[in-house]
Protein backbone atom coordinates (compact mmCIF):
# COMPACT_ATOMS: atom_id res chain seq x y z
CA MET A 1 52.24 24.66 17.63
CA PHE A 2 52.24 22.94 21.02
CA GLN A 3 55.49 21.29 22.03
CA PRO A 4 55.25 18.75 24.87
CA SER A 5 57.63 19.20 27.75
CA LYS A 6 60.65 16.93 27.81
CA ILE A 7 60.41 16.80 31.60
CA ASN A 8 58.50 13.78 32.86
CA GLN A 9 55.93 15.22 35.25
CA SER A 10 53.74 12.88 37.30
CA SER A 11 50.34 13.88 38.56
CA GLN A 12 49.55 13.55 42.24
CA SER A 13 47.38 10.49 41.56
CA GLU A 14 50.20 8.76 39.68
CA ALA A 15 52.61 9.55 42.50
CA LYS A 16 50.23 7.96 45.01
CA LEU A 17 50.21 4.74 43.01
CA ARG A 18 53.96 4.20 43.01
CA GLY A 19 54.84 1.02 44.84
CA THR A 20 56.19 1.07 48.37
CA ILE A 21 56.87 -1.55 51.00
CA GLU A 22 55.37 0.71 53.68
CA SER A 23 51.99 -0.49 54.93
CA PRO A 24 48.95 1.77 54.43
CA THR A 25 48.23 4.25 57.21
CA LYS A 26 44.54 4.82 56.49
CA PRO A 27 41.55 2.80 55.24
CA GLY A 28 40.89 2.62 51.51
CA VAL A 29 41.35 0.45 48.44
CA TYR A 30 44.93 -0.41 47.50
CA TRP A 31 46.87 -2.51 45.03
CA PHE A 32 48.90 -5.11 46.90
CA GLN A 33 51.48 -7.50 45.48
CA SER A 34 52.92 -9.99 47.95
CA GLU A 35 56.50 -11.16 47.68
CA THR A 36 55.29 -14.44 46.15
CA MET A 37 52.75 -13.07 43.61
CA SER A 38 53.48 -12.26 39.99
CA THR A 39 50.69 -9.65 39.77
CA ALA A 40 49.02 -7.24 42.18
CA MET A 41 45.52 -7.64 43.63
CA MET A 42 43.12 -4.95 44.76
CA VAL A 43 42.43 -5.14 48.51
CA GLU A 44 40.22 -3.12 50.81
CA VAL A 45 42.02 -1.88 53.90
CA ARG A 46 39.69 -1.18 56.82
CA VAL A 47 39.78 -0.73 60.58
CA THR A 48 38.98 -3.93 62.48
CA ASN A 49 39.18 -3.92 66.28
CA GLY A 50 41.26 -0.74 66.19
CA GLN A 51 43.86 -1.86 63.63
CA LEU A 52 44.16 -1.66 59.85
CA THR A 53 43.40 -5.01 58.25
CA ALA A 54 42.73 -6.55 54.85
CA TRP A 55 40.95 -9.79 53.96
CA TRP A 56 44.01 -11.91 53.16
CA PRO A 57 43.84 -14.72 52.05
CA ASN A 58 40.70 -15.91 53.88
CA GLN A 59 40.78 -13.93 57.11
CA ASP A 60 41.36 -10.41 58.42
CA GLU A 61 45.13 -9.91 58.33
CA PRO A 62 46.85 -6.87 59.90
CA VAL A 63 48.37 -4.90 57.02
CA ALA A 64 51.55 -4.43 59.07
CA LYS A 65 52.17 -8.19 58.73
CA MET A 66 51.58 -8.29 54.96
CA LYS A 67 54.93 -8.29 53.15
CA GLY A 68 55.07 -6.92 49.61
CA GLN A 69 54.42 -3.79 47.53
CA TRP A 70 51.51 -1.40 48.21
CA ARG A 71 50.08 1.16 45.77
CA GLY A 72 47.32 3.60 46.63
CA PRO A 73 44.96 4.50 48.01
CA ILE A 74 43.04 4.24 44.76
CA THR A 75 40.69 7.18 44.12
CA PRO A 76 37.11 6.04 43.48
CA PHE A 77 36.06 6.50 39.86
CA ASP A 78 33.41 9.14 40.65
CA GLU A 79 36.03 11.30 42.44
CA ARG A 80 38.67 11.24 39.69
CA GLU A 81 39.42 14.25 37.54
CA THR A 82 37.77 14.31 34.16
CA ARG A 83 39.94 15.24 31.23
């Protein structure tokens, strides 16, 4: 009979999605929750004029100026492991 491990092991993808206040360092799709929001939103981080930006709230905003929690980058569905 299989006995599950009592050690909580996180996969690499779960570890990537833990929240951090450090801004993203590469383009991709991230969860972002500002200091004033009750829930996170998905944002696309891209390079604009040589710097990482996200469309926030209605303009390109440098991610370094966005204060809050970041999670990601989020792996596209077609690249995720199948179980």
